[in-house]
């Protein structure tokens, strides 16, 4: 192996370890960190970085799903319904995203990061939680798959970044339940849905 190849291998292993650590710590899939790093440090195009981020999610989702369902069994029917809705939305939105100019795609991703940062900075200390109760009927929770899938298709990031605030703020889920998921929106609230 050449020195350059070893350098690239080492840097990708470090990136994977850092993303795994942050994903476990903050309950995120890592795409929000991986995409800028892949573009800025590895020289990937925005579309390539977003596609790579989506590919990186697959093993994370499988491991997370397996770990979560060991402690919290999930009814299959609602999981398939929500997963199907999120997958269909991801596919449709990805069709649009792949047709965008690279600079437009980068601008959309950057604007999303800025909005996310602004939301975090302006967020009040009083947040909605489970004690406040669900504000909407739990049967509507599968619809969280739509914005979650759209974020995956357009931005290349996990739907949990969109779904967690929706689950806590709109559906009154506890933060720990909303974050204790493998990166797909359906797991945290299925326990409240009828099988």
N, C-alpha and C. Protein backbone atom coordinates (compact mmCIF):
# COMPACT_ATOMS: atom_id res chain seq x y z
N UNK A 1 0.83 -1.18 0.00
CA UNK A 1 0.00 0.00 0.00
C UNK A 1 0.87 1.24 0.00
N UNK A 2 0.46 2.22 -0.76
CA UNK A 2 1.24 3.46 -0.78
C UNK A 2 0.93 4.31 0.44
N UNK A 3 1.77 5.27 0.68
CA UNK A 3 1.60 6.17 1.82
C UNK A 3 0.31 6.96 1.70
N UNK A 4 -0.03 7.38 0.48
CA UNK A 4 -1.26 8.12 0.26
C UNK A 4 -2.47 7.26 0.59
N UNK A 5 -2.46 6.01 0.17
CA UNK A 5 -3.57 5.11 0.44
C UNK A 5 -3.73 4.88 1.95
N UNK A 6 -2.62 4.70 2.66
CA UNK A 6 -2.68 4.53 4.10
C UNK A 6 -3.22 5.79 4.77
N UNK A 7 -2.85 6.94 4.26
CA UNK A 7 -3.32 8.21 4.81
C UNK A 7 -4.83 8.33 4.63
N UNK A 8 -5.32 8.02 3.44
CA UNK A 8 -6.76 8.08 3.17
C UNK A 8 -7.49 7.06 4.03
N UNK A 9 -6.97 5.84 4.13
CA UNK A 9 -7.58 4.81 4.96
C UNK A 9 -7.65 5.25 6.42
N UNK A 10 -6.58 5.78 6.94
CA UNK A 10 -6.55 6.24 8.33
C UNK A 10 -7.55 7.36 8.56
N UNK A 11 -7.58 8.34 7.65
CA UNK A 11 -8.49 9.48 7.83
C UNK A 11 -9.95 9.05 7.74
N UNK A 12 -10.27 8.10 6.87
CA UNK A 12 -11.66 7.63 6.80
C UNK A 12 -12.03 6.81 8.04
N UNK A 13 -11.08 6.05 8.58
CA UNK A 13 -11.35 5.32 9.82
C UNK A 13 -11.59 6.28 10.98
N UNK A 14 -10.79 7.33 11.05
CA UNK A 14 -10.98 8.34 12.10
C UNK A 14 -12.33 9.02 11.92
N UNK A 15 -12.67 9.38 10.69
CA UNK A 15 -13.97 10.00 10.42
C UNK A 15 -15.10 9.08 10.86
N UNK A 16 -15.03 7.81 10.52
CA UNK A 16 -16.05 6.85 10.92
C UNK A 16 -16.17 6.73 12.42
N UNK A 17 -15.04 6.70 13.12
CA UNK A 17 -15.06 6.60 14.59
C UNK A 17 -15.67 7.84 15.22
N UNK A 18 -15.31 9.01 14.70
CA UNK A 18 -15.86 10.26 15.24
C UNK A 18 -17.37 10.33 14.99
N UNK A 19 -17.79 9.96 13.79
CA UNK A 19 -19.22 9.97 13.47
C UNK A 19 -19.98 8.98 14.34
N UNK A 20 -19.41 7.81 14.55
CA UNK A 20 -20.05 6.82 15.42
C UNK A 20 -20.17 7.32 16.84
N UNK A 21 -19.12 7.94 17.35
CA UNK A 21 -19.14 8.48 18.71
C UNK A 21 -20.21 9.57 18.83
N UNK A 22 -20.22 10.52 17.90
CA UNK A 22 -21.20 11.61 17.96
C UNK A 22 -22.61 11.10 17.76
N UNK A 23 -22.76 10.09 16.89
CA UNK A 23 -24.08 9.51 16.68
C UNK A 23 -24.62 8.88 17.96
N UNK A 24 -23.77 8.15 18.65
CA UNK A 24 -24.19 7.55 19.91
C UNK A 24 -24.44 8.58 20.99
N UNK A 25 -23.64 9.62 21.03
CA UNK A 25 -23.75 10.65 22.06
C UNK A 25 -24.99 11.52 21.86
N UNK A 26 -25.23 11.94 20.61
CA UNK A 26 -26.32 12.88 20.35
C UNK A 26 -27.54 12.25 19.68
N UNK A 27 -27.48 10.97 19.36
CA UNK A 27 -28.62 10.32 18.72
C UNK A 27 -28.82 10.76 17.29
N UNK A 28 -27.72 11.04 16.57
CA UNK A 28 -27.80 11.43 15.17
C UNK A 28 -27.07 10.41 14.32
N UNK A 29 -27.39 10.37 13.06
CA UNK A 29 -26.75 9.41 12.17
C UNK A 29 -25.37 9.83 11.70
N UNK A 30 -25.01 11.07 11.83
CA UNK A 30 -23.69 11.52 11.45
C UNK A 30 -23.62 12.26 10.14
N UNK A 31 -24.64 12.19 9.31
CA UNK A 31 -24.62 12.84 8.01
C UNK A 31 -24.45 14.34 8.09
N UNK A 32 -25.00 14.94 9.12
CA UNK A 32 -24.90 16.39 9.27
C UNK A 32 -23.46 16.83 9.49
N UNK A 33 -22.64 15.91 10.00
CA UNK A 33 -21.22 16.19 10.19
C UNK A 33 -20.42 15.64 9.01
N UNK A 34 -20.79 14.45 8.56
CA UNK A 34 -20.04 13.79 7.49
C UNK A 34 -20.07 14.56 6.18
N UNK A 35 -21.20 15.10 5.81
CA UNK A 35 -21.33 15.76 4.51
C UNK A 35 -20.38 16.95 4.39
N UNK A 36 -20.37 17.89 5.35
CA UNK A 36 -19.39 18.98 5.23
C UNK A 36 -17.94 18.49 5.23
N UNK A 37 -17.64 17.48 6.04
CA UNK A 37 -16.27 16.95 6.08
C UNK A 37 -15.91 16.31 4.74
N UNK A 38 -16.83 15.53 4.17
CA UNK A 38 -16.55 14.89 2.89
C UNK A 38 -16.36 15.91 1.77
N UNK A 39 -17.11 17.00 1.82
CA UNK A 39 -16.99 18.04 0.80
C UNK A 39 -15.71 18.86 1.01
N UNK A 40 -15.51 19.33 2.23
CA UNK A 40 -14.40 20.25 2.49
C UNK A 40 -13.05 19.54 2.63
N UNK A 41 -13.01 18.41 3.32
CA UNK A 41 -11.73 17.74 3.57
C UNK A 41 -11.37 16.71 2.51
N UNK A 42 -12.39 16.04 1.93
CA UNK A 42 -12.12 14.98 0.97
C UNK A 42 -12.37 15.42 -0.47
N UNK A 43 -12.89 16.64 -0.67
CA UNK A 43 -13.07 17.17 -2.01
C UNK A 43 -14.21 16.54 -2.81
N UNK A 44 -15.16 15.90 -2.15
CA UNK A 44 -16.30 15.31 -2.86
C UNK A 44 -17.25 16.42 -3.30
N UNK A 45 -18.01 16.13 -4.35
CA UNK A 45 -19.09 17.03 -4.73
C UNK A 45 -20.19 16.89 -3.69
N UNK A 46 -21.07 17.87 -3.64
CA UNK A 46 -22.17 17.83 -2.67
C UNK A 46 -23.03 16.58 -2.86
N UNK A 47 -23.37 16.28 -4.11
CA UNK A 47 -24.21 15.11 -4.37
C UNK A 47 -23.50 13.81 -3.97
N UNK A 48 -22.21 13.70 -4.25
CA UNK A 48 -21.45 12.51 -3.88
C UNK A 48 -21.39 12.37 -2.36
N UNK A 49 -21.17 13.48 -1.67
CA UNK A 49 -21.09 13.44 -0.20
C UNK A 49 -22.44 13.04 0.40
N UNK A 50 -23.52 13.57 -0.16
CA UNK A 50 -24.85 13.22 0.35
C UNK A 50 -25.17 11.76 0.08
N UNK A 51 -24.82 11.27 -1.08
CA UNK A 51 -25.03 9.85 -1.39
C UNK A 51 -24.18 8.95 -0.50
N UNK A 52 -22.95 9.36 -0.24
CA UNK A 52 -22.08 8.60 0.65
C UNK A 52 -22.65 8.58 2.05
N UNK A 53 -23.18 9.69 2.49
CA UNK A 53 -23.80 9.78 3.81
C UNK A 53 -24.98 8.81 3.92
N UNK A 54 -25.80 8.77 2.88
CA UNK A 54 -26.94 7.84 2.89
C UNK A 54 -26.47 6.39 2.94
N UNK A 55 -25.41 6.07 2.19
CA UNK A 55 -24.88 4.71 2.21
C UNK A 55 -24.32 4.36 3.58
N UNK A 56 -23.72 5.34 4.26
CA UNK A 56 -23.17 5.10 5.60
C UNK A 56 -24.27 4.81 6.61
N UNK A 57 -25.48 5.29 6.36
CA UNK A 57 -26.59 5.10 7.30
C UNK A 57 -27.06 3.66 7.37
N UNK A 58 -26.92 2.90 6.31
CA UNK A 58 -27.48 1.55 6.26
C UNK A 58 -27.00 0.68 7.42
N UNK A 59 -25.69 0.50 7.63
CA UNK A 59 -25.28 -0.33 8.76
C UNK A 59 -25.67 0.26 10.11
N UNK A 60 -25.63 1.59 10.21
CA UNK A 60 -26.02 2.24 11.47
C UNK A 60 -27.48 1.96 11.78
N UNK A 61 -28.33 2.05 10.78
CA UNK A 61 -29.75 1.79 10.97
C UNK A 61 -30.01 0.34 11.38
N UNK A 62 -29.33 -0.57 10.73
CA UNK A 62 -29.53 -1.99 11.05
C UNK A 62 -29.10 -2.29 12.49
N UNK A 63 -27.93 -1.82 12.88
CA UNK A 63 -27.46 -2.06 14.24
C UNK A 63 -28.37 -1.36 15.26
N UNK A 64 -28.72 -0.13 14.99
CA UNK A 64 -29.60 0.61 15.90
C UNK A 64 -30.96 -0.05 16.05
N UNK A 65 -31.54 -0.45 14.93
CA UNK A 65 -32.84 -1.13 14.96
C UNK A 65 -32.74 -2.40 15.79
N UNK A 66 -31.73 -3.19 15.57
CA UNK A 66 -31.53 -4.44 16.31
C UNK A 66 -31.40 -4.17 17.80
N UNK A 67 -30.58 -3.18 18.18
CA UNK A 67 -30.38 -2.86 19.59
C UNK A 67 -31.66 -2.35 20.23
N UNK A 68 -32.38 -1.48 19.55
CA UNK A 68 -33.59 -0.90 20.11
C UNK A 68 -34.66 -1.97 20.30
N UNK A 69 -34.86 -2.81 19.30
CA UNK A 69 -35.93 -3.80 19.39
C UNK A 69 -35.64 -4.90 20.41
N UNK A 70 -34.41 -5.05 20.84
CA UNK A 70 -34.11 -6.00 21.91
C UNK A 70 -34.75 -5.56 23.21
N UNK A 71 -34.81 -4.26 23.45
CA UNK A 71 -35.39 -3.72 24.68
C UNK A 71 -36.84 -3.26 24.49
N UNK A 72 -37.16 -2.83 23.30
CA UNK A 72 -38.49 -2.28 23.02
C UNK A 72 -39.03 -2.90 21.73
N UNK A 73 -39.69 -4.07 21.81
CA UNK A 73 -40.23 -4.70 20.60
C UNK A 73 -41.18 -3.74 19.87
N UNK A 74 -41.08 -3.75 18.57
CA UNK A 74 -41.85 -2.83 17.73
C UNK A 74 -42.85 -3.62 16.90
N UNK A 75 -44.12 -3.22 16.91
CA UNK A 75 -45.12 -3.89 16.05
C UNK A 75 -44.74 -3.76 14.58
N UNK A 76 -44.80 -4.85 13.85
CA UNK A 76 -44.34 -4.87 12.46
C UNK A 76 -45.20 -4.01 11.53
N UNK A 77 -46.50 -4.07 11.66
CA UNK A 77 -47.38 -3.36 10.73
C UNK A 77 -47.12 -1.86 10.71
N UNK A 78 -47.14 -1.17 11.87
CA UNK A 78 -46.86 0.27 11.83
C UNK A 78 -45.44 0.57 11.33
N UNK A 79 -44.47 -0.28 11.69
CA UNK A 79 -43.10 -0.05 11.22
C UNK A 79 -43.04 -0.09 9.71
N UNK A 80 -43.72 -1.06 9.11
CA UNK A 80 -43.72 -1.17 7.66
C UNK A 80 -44.45 0.02 7.02
N UNK A 81 -45.53 0.45 7.64
CA UNK A 81 -46.28 1.59 7.11
C UNK A 81 -45.43 2.86 7.12
N UNK A 82 -44.81 3.15 8.23
CA UNK A 82 -44.01 4.37 8.35
C UNK A 82 -42.75 4.27 7.51
N UNK A 83 -42.09 3.12 7.57
CA UNK A 83 -40.88 2.93 6.78
C UNK A 83 -41.17 3.03 5.29
N UNK A 84 -42.31 2.49 4.87
CA UNK A 84 -42.70 2.58 3.46
C UNK A 84 -42.95 4.01 3.03
N UNK A 85 -43.64 4.77 3.89
CA UNK A 85 -43.91 6.17 3.59
C UNK A 85 -42.62 6.98 3.53
N UNK A 86 -41.72 6.75 4.48
CA UNK A 86 -40.44 7.46 4.48
C UNK A 86 -39.61 7.07 3.26
N UNK A 87 -39.60 5.79 2.92
CA UNK A 87 -38.82 5.33 1.76
C UNK A 87 -39.34 5.91 0.46
N UNK A 88 -40.66 5.92 0.30
CA UNK A 88 -41.25 6.48 -0.92
C UNK A 88 -40.94 7.97 -1.04
N UNK A 89 -41.05 8.68 0.08
CA UNK A 89 -40.74 10.11 0.07
C UNK A 89 -39.28 10.34 -0.25
N UNK A 90 -38.40 9.54 0.36
CA UNK A 90 -36.96 9.67 0.08
C UNK A 90 -36.70 9.48 -1.40
N UNK A 91 -37.29 8.45 -1.99
CA UNK A 91 -37.07 8.17 -3.42
C UNK A 91 -37.54 9.35 -4.28
N UNK A 92 -38.74 9.85 -4.02
CA UNK A 92 -39.29 10.92 -4.83
C UNK A 92 -38.47 12.21 -4.69
N UNK A 93 -38.11 12.56 -3.48
CA UNK A 93 -37.35 13.79 -3.26
C UNK A 93 -35.93 13.65 -3.80
N UNK A 94 -35.35 12.45 -3.71
CA UNK A 94 -34.01 12.23 -4.27
C UNK A 94 -34.02 12.40 -5.79
N UNK A 95 -35.13 12.07 -6.43
CA UNK A 95 -35.25 12.31 -7.87
C UNK A 95 -35.10 13.79 -8.18
N UNK A 96 -35.70 14.62 -7.36
CA UNK A 96 -35.57 16.08 -7.53
C UNK A 96 -34.14 16.52 -7.20
N UNK A 97 -33.61 16.04 -6.10
CA UNK A 97 -32.28 16.47 -5.65
C UNK A 97 -31.20 16.15 -6.67
N UNK A 98 -31.30 15.00 -7.32
CA UNK A 98 -30.27 14.63 -8.30
C UNK A 98 -30.33 15.47 -9.57
N UNK A 99 -31.40 16.20 -9.74
CA UNK A 99 -31.52 17.08 -10.91
C UNK A 99 -31.08 18.51 -10.61
N UNK A 100 -30.80 18.82 -9.35
CA UNK A 100 -30.39 20.16 -8.98
C UNK A 100 -28.92 20.39 -9.34
N UNK A 101 -28.60 21.62 -9.63
CA UNK A 101 -27.21 22.01 -9.85
C UNK A 101 -26.43 21.82 -8.55
N UNK A 102 -25.16 21.44 -8.63
CA UNK A 102 -24.36 21.23 -7.41
C UNK A 102 -24.36 22.43 -6.46
N UNK A 103 -24.25 23.63 -7.00
CA UNK A 103 -24.25 24.82 -6.14
C UNK A 103 -25.59 25.03 -5.46
N UNK A 104 -26.68 24.71 -6.16
CA UNK A 104 -28.01 24.82 -5.56
C UNK A 104 -28.15 23.82 -4.43
N UNK A 105 -27.72 22.59 -4.66
CA UNK A 105 -27.79 21.55 -3.64
C UNK A 105 -26.97 21.95 -2.41
N UNK A 106 -25.78 22.49 -2.63
CA UNK A 106 -24.93 22.94 -1.53
C UNK A 106 -25.59 24.10 -0.79
N UNK A 107 -26.22 25.01 -1.52
CA UNK A 107 -26.91 26.14 -0.90
C UNK A 107 -28.08 25.67 -0.04
N UNK A 108 -28.86 24.72 -0.54
CA UNK A 108 -29.98 24.17 0.22
C UNK A 108 -29.48 23.51 1.50
N UNK A 109 -28.41 22.72 1.40
CA UNK A 109 -27.84 22.06 2.57
C UNK A 109 -27.32 23.10 3.56
N UNK A 110 -26.60 24.10 3.08
CA UNK A 110 -26.09 25.16 3.95
C UNK A 110 -27.20 25.93 4.63
N UNK A 111 -28.26 26.24 3.89
CA UNK A 111 -29.41 26.95 4.47
C UNK A 111 -30.06 26.11 5.56
N UNK A 112 -30.16 24.79 5.33
CA UNK A 112 -30.71 23.91 6.35
C UNK A 112 -29.85 23.95 7.61
N UNK A 113 -28.52 23.90 7.46
CA UNK A 113 -27.63 23.96 8.62
C UNK A 113 -27.79 25.29 9.38
N UNK A 114 -27.92 26.38 8.63
CA UNK A 114 -28.12 27.68 9.28
C UNK A 114 -29.44 27.73 10.03
N UNK A 115 -30.51 27.23 9.42
CA UNK A 115 -31.80 27.20 10.11
C UNK A 115 -31.76 26.32 11.36
N UNK A 116 -31.08 25.20 11.26
CA UNK A 116 -30.93 24.31 12.40
C UNK A 116 -30.16 25.01 13.53
N UNK A 117 -29.07 25.68 13.18
CA UNK A 117 -28.28 26.40 14.18
C UNK A 117 -29.10 27.53 14.80
N UNK A 118 -29.85 28.25 13.99
CA UNK A 118 -30.68 29.34 14.50
C UNK A 118 -31.74 28.80 15.45
N UNK A 119 -32.35 27.69 15.09
CA UNK A 119 -33.37 27.08 15.96
C UNK A 119 -32.76 26.70 17.31
N UNK A 120 -31.57 26.13 17.27
CA UNK A 120 -30.91 25.72 18.51
C UNK A 120 -30.54 26.93 19.36
N UNK A 121 -30.10 28.01 18.74
CA UNK A 121 -29.72 29.21 19.48
C UNK A 121 -30.92 29.92 20.10
N UNK A 122 -32.03 29.91 19.40
CA UNK A 122 -33.21 30.62 19.87
C UNK A 122 -34.16 29.78 20.71
N UNK A 123 -33.87 28.51 20.81
CA UNK A 123 -34.74 27.58 21.55
C UNK A 123 -34.82 27.98 23.02
N UNK A 124 -36.03 27.99 23.53
CA UNK A 124 -36.21 28.32 24.94
C UNK A 124 -35.95 27.12 25.80
N UNK A 125 -35.71 27.36 27.07
CA UNK A 125 -35.44 26.26 27.99
C UNK A 125 -36.70 25.46 28.28
N UNK A 126 -37.85 26.04 28.09
CA UNK A 126 -39.08 25.29 28.30
C UNK A 126 -39.40 24.57 27.01
N UNK A 127 -39.34 23.27 27.07
CA UNK A 127 -39.62 22.48 25.87
C UNK A 127 -40.83 21.59 26.13
N UNK A 128 -41.41 21.15 25.07
CA UNK A 128 -42.55 20.26 25.19
C UNK A 128 -42.04 18.88 25.57
N UNK A 129 -42.77 18.22 26.43
CA UNK A 129 -42.38 16.87 26.83
C UNK A 129 -43.60 16.00 27.01
N UNK A 130 -43.37 14.77 27.42
CA UNK A 130 -44.44 13.80 27.53
C UNK A 130 -45.46 14.21 28.58
N UNK A 131 -45.03 14.96 29.63
CA UNK A 131 -45.98 15.36 30.65
C UNK A 131 -47.06 16.28 30.08
N UNK A 132 -46.70 17.02 29.04
CA UNK A 132 -47.68 17.91 28.41
C UNK A 132 -48.71 17.12 27.63
N UNK A 133 -48.42 15.88 27.35
CA UNK A 133 -49.36 15.03 26.63
C UNK A 133 -49.26 15.21 25.14
N UNK A 134 -49.74 14.24 24.42
CA UNK A 134 -49.71 14.30 22.97
C UNK A 134 -50.67 15.37 22.49
N UNK A 135 -50.21 16.18 21.57
CA UNK A 135 -51.03 17.24 21.03
C UNK A 135 -51.85 16.76 19.84
N UNK A 136 -51.35 15.74 19.17
CA UNK A 136 -52.05 15.18 18.02
C UNK A 136 -52.29 13.69 18.24
N UNK A 137 -53.26 13.17 17.55
CA UNK A 137 -53.57 11.75 17.64
C UNK A 137 -52.36 10.92 17.21
N UNK A 138 -52.02 9.91 18.00
CA UNK A 138 -50.85 9.06 17.72
C UNK A 138 -50.97 8.37 16.37
N UNK A 139 -52.18 8.20 15.87
CA UNK A 139 -52.35 7.56 14.56
C UNK A 139 -51.78 8.41 13.43
N UNK A 140 -51.54 9.69 13.68
CA UNK A 140 -50.95 10.57 12.67
C UNK A 140 -49.43 10.51 12.66
N UNK A 141 -48.84 9.84 13.64
CA UNK A 141 -47.37 9.80 13.72
C UNK A 141 -46.69 9.21 12.50
N UNK A 142 -47.29 8.27 11.78
CA UNK A 142 -46.60 7.79 10.57
C UNK A 142 -46.31 8.90 9.56
N UNK A 143 -47.05 9.99 9.61
CA UNK A 143 -46.82 11.09 8.69
C UNK A 143 -45.47 11.76 8.93
N UNK A 144 -44.85 11.51 10.09
CA UNK A 144 -43.51 12.02 10.36
C UNK A 144 -42.54 11.45 9.32
N UNK A 145 -42.88 10.31 8.72
CA UNK A 145 -42.06 9.71 7.68
C UNK A 145 -41.90 10.61 6.46
N UNK A 146 -42.86 11.48 6.21
CA UNK A 146 -42.79 12.35 5.03
C UNK A 146 -41.67 13.37 5.15
N UNK A 147 -41.67 14.23 6.19
CA UNK A 147 -40.53 15.17 6.28
C UNK A 147 -39.21 14.45 6.58
N UNK A 148 -39.28 13.33 7.30
CA UNK A 148 -38.06 12.56 7.55
C UNK A 148 -37.48 12.02 6.27
N UNK A 149 -38.33 11.43 5.43
CA UNK A 149 -37.88 10.92 4.14
C UNK A 149 -37.42 12.03 3.21
N UNK A 150 -38.10 13.18 3.28
CA UNK A 150 -37.71 14.31 2.44
C UNK A 150 -36.32 14.81 2.82
N UNK A 151 -36.01 14.81 4.12
CA UNK A 151 -34.67 15.26 4.53
C UNK A 151 -33.60 14.29 4.06
N UNK A 152 -33.94 13.01 4.03
CA UNK A 152 -32.97 12.03 3.52
C UNK A 152 -32.77 12.19 2.02
N UNK A 153 -33.86 12.37 1.29
CA UNK A 153 -33.77 12.47 -0.16
C UNK A 153 -33.12 13.75 -0.64
N UNK A 154 -33.41 14.87 0.02
CA UNK A 154 -32.89 16.16 -0.43
C UNK A 154 -31.53 16.49 0.18
N UNK A 155 -31.37 16.20 1.47
CA UNK A 155 -30.17 16.65 2.19
C UNK A 155 -29.16 15.54 2.45
N UNK A 156 -29.57 14.29 2.34
CA UNK A 156 -28.66 13.19 2.60
C UNK A 156 -28.39 12.97 4.08
N UNK A 157 -29.29 13.47 4.92
CA UNK A 157 -29.14 13.29 6.37
C UNK A 157 -30.27 12.43 6.88
N UNK A 158 -30.07 11.83 8.03
CA UNK A 158 -31.10 10.97 8.61
C UNK A 158 -32.35 11.74 8.97
N UNK A 159 -33.46 11.06 8.84
CA UNK A 159 -34.75 11.68 9.14
C UNK A 159 -34.95 11.98 10.61
N UNK A 160 -34.13 11.38 11.48
CA UNK A 160 -34.27 11.61 12.91
C UNK A 160 -34.02 13.04 13.31
N UNK A 161 -33.20 13.75 12.56
CA UNK A 161 -32.92 15.15 12.86
C UNK A 161 -34.18 16.00 12.69
N UNK A 162 -35.05 15.57 11.82
CA UNK A 162 -36.33 16.25 11.61
C UNK A 162 -37.38 15.63 12.52
N UNK A 163 -37.37 14.31 12.63
CA UNK A 163 -38.42 13.60 13.36
C UNK A 163 -38.38 13.83 14.86
N UNK A 164 -37.20 13.90 15.45
CA UNK A 164 -37.11 14.05 16.91
C UNK A 164 -37.80 15.32 17.40
N UNK A 165 -37.52 16.50 16.82
CA UNK A 165 -38.27 17.69 17.26
C UNK A 165 -39.77 17.58 17.02
N UNK A 166 -40.16 16.91 15.94
CA UNK A 166 -41.59 16.73 15.68
C UNK A 166 -42.22 15.83 16.74
N UNK A 167 -41.52 14.76 17.07
CA UNK A 167 -42.06 13.82 18.05
C UNK A 167 -42.17 14.44 19.43
N UNK A 168 -41.19 15.23 19.82
CA UNK A 168 -41.24 15.85 21.14
C UNK A 168 -42.17 17.06 21.17
N UNK A 169 -42.13 17.88 20.14
CA UNK A 169 -42.90 19.11 20.15
C UNK A 169 -44.35 18.96 19.73
N UNK A 170 -44.60 18.14 18.73
CA UNK A 170 -45.96 18.01 18.18
C UNK A 170 -46.72 16.85 18.82
N UNK A 171 -46.02 15.74 19.08
CA UNK A 171 -46.70 14.56 19.59
C UNK A 171 -46.45 14.32 21.08
N UNK A 172 -45.69 15.21 21.74
CA UNK A 172 -45.51 15.12 23.17
C UNK A 172 -44.68 13.94 23.66
N UNK A 173 -43.79 13.41 22.82
CA UNK A 173 -42.92 12.31 23.23
C UNK A 173 -41.83 12.83 24.15
N UNK A 174 -41.37 11.99 25.07
CA UNK A 174 -40.21 12.35 25.88
C UNK A 174 -38.98 12.39 24.99
N UNK A 175 -38.05 13.28 25.29
CA UNK A 175 -36.83 13.42 24.50
C UNK A 175 -36.05 12.11 24.47
N UNK A 176 -35.97 11.42 25.60
CA UNK A 176 -35.20 10.17 25.64
C UNK A 176 -35.81 9.11 24.74
N UNK A 177 -37.11 9.07 24.64
CA UNK A 177 -37.77 8.11 23.73
C UNK A 177 -37.53 8.52 22.29
N UNK A 178 -37.68 9.81 22.00
CA UNK A 178 -37.50 10.29 20.63
C UNK A 178 -36.07 10.10 20.14
N UNK A 179 -35.09 10.22 21.03
CA UNK A 179 -33.69 10.05 20.63
C UNK A 179 -33.25 8.60 20.62
N UNK A 180 -33.93 7.75 21.36
CA UNK A 180 -33.51 6.35 21.48
C UNK A 180 -34.02 5.56 20.29
N UNK A 181 -33.45 5.84 19.15
CA UNK A 181 -33.84 5.18 17.92
C UNK A 181 -32.63 5.02 17.02
N UNK A 182 -32.73 4.15 16.02
CA UNK A 182 -31.57 3.88 15.20
C UNK A 182 -31.36 4.85 14.07
N UNK A 183 -32.07 5.94 14.03
CA UNK A 183 -31.87 6.88 12.95
C UNK A 183 -33.04 6.95 12.00
N UNK A 184 -34.05 6.13 12.20
CA UNK A 184 -35.24 6.24 11.37
C UNK A 184 -36.39 6.67 12.26
N UNK A 185 -37.28 7.45 11.67
CA UNK A 185 -38.28 8.10 12.48
C UNK A 185 -39.30 7.19 13.12
N UNK A 186 -39.51 6.01 12.63
CA UNK A 186 -40.64 5.24 13.11
C UNK A 186 -40.50 4.60 14.48
N UNK A 187 -39.33 4.27 14.92
CA UNK A 187 -39.18 3.44 16.11
C UNK A 187 -39.71 4.06 17.39
N UNK A 188 -39.41 5.33 17.74
CA UNK A 188 -39.75 5.80 19.07
C UNK A 188 -41.22 5.80 19.40
N UNK A 189 -42.07 6.02 18.44
CA UNK A 189 -43.47 6.18 18.79
C UNK A 189 -44.32 4.97 18.48
N UNK A 190 -43.76 3.93 17.94
CA UNK A 190 -44.56 2.77 17.61
C UNK A 190 -45.14 2.10 18.85
N UNK A 191 -44.47 2.24 19.98
CA UNK A 191 -44.98 1.60 21.18
C UNK A 191 -46.29 2.21 21.62
N UNK A 192 -46.62 3.42 21.16
CA UNK A 192 -47.88 4.06 21.52
C UNK A 192 -48.99 3.77 20.53
N UNK A 193 -48.65 3.13 19.41
CA UNK A 193 -49.63 2.83 18.38
C UNK A 193 -50.17 1.42 18.56
N UNK A 194 -51.40 1.24 18.20
CA UNK A 194 -52.00 -0.09 18.25
C UNK A 194 -51.42 -0.96 17.15
N UNK A 195 -51.09 -2.24 17.43
CA UNK A 195 -50.56 -3.11 16.37
C UNK A 195 -51.62 -3.47 15.35
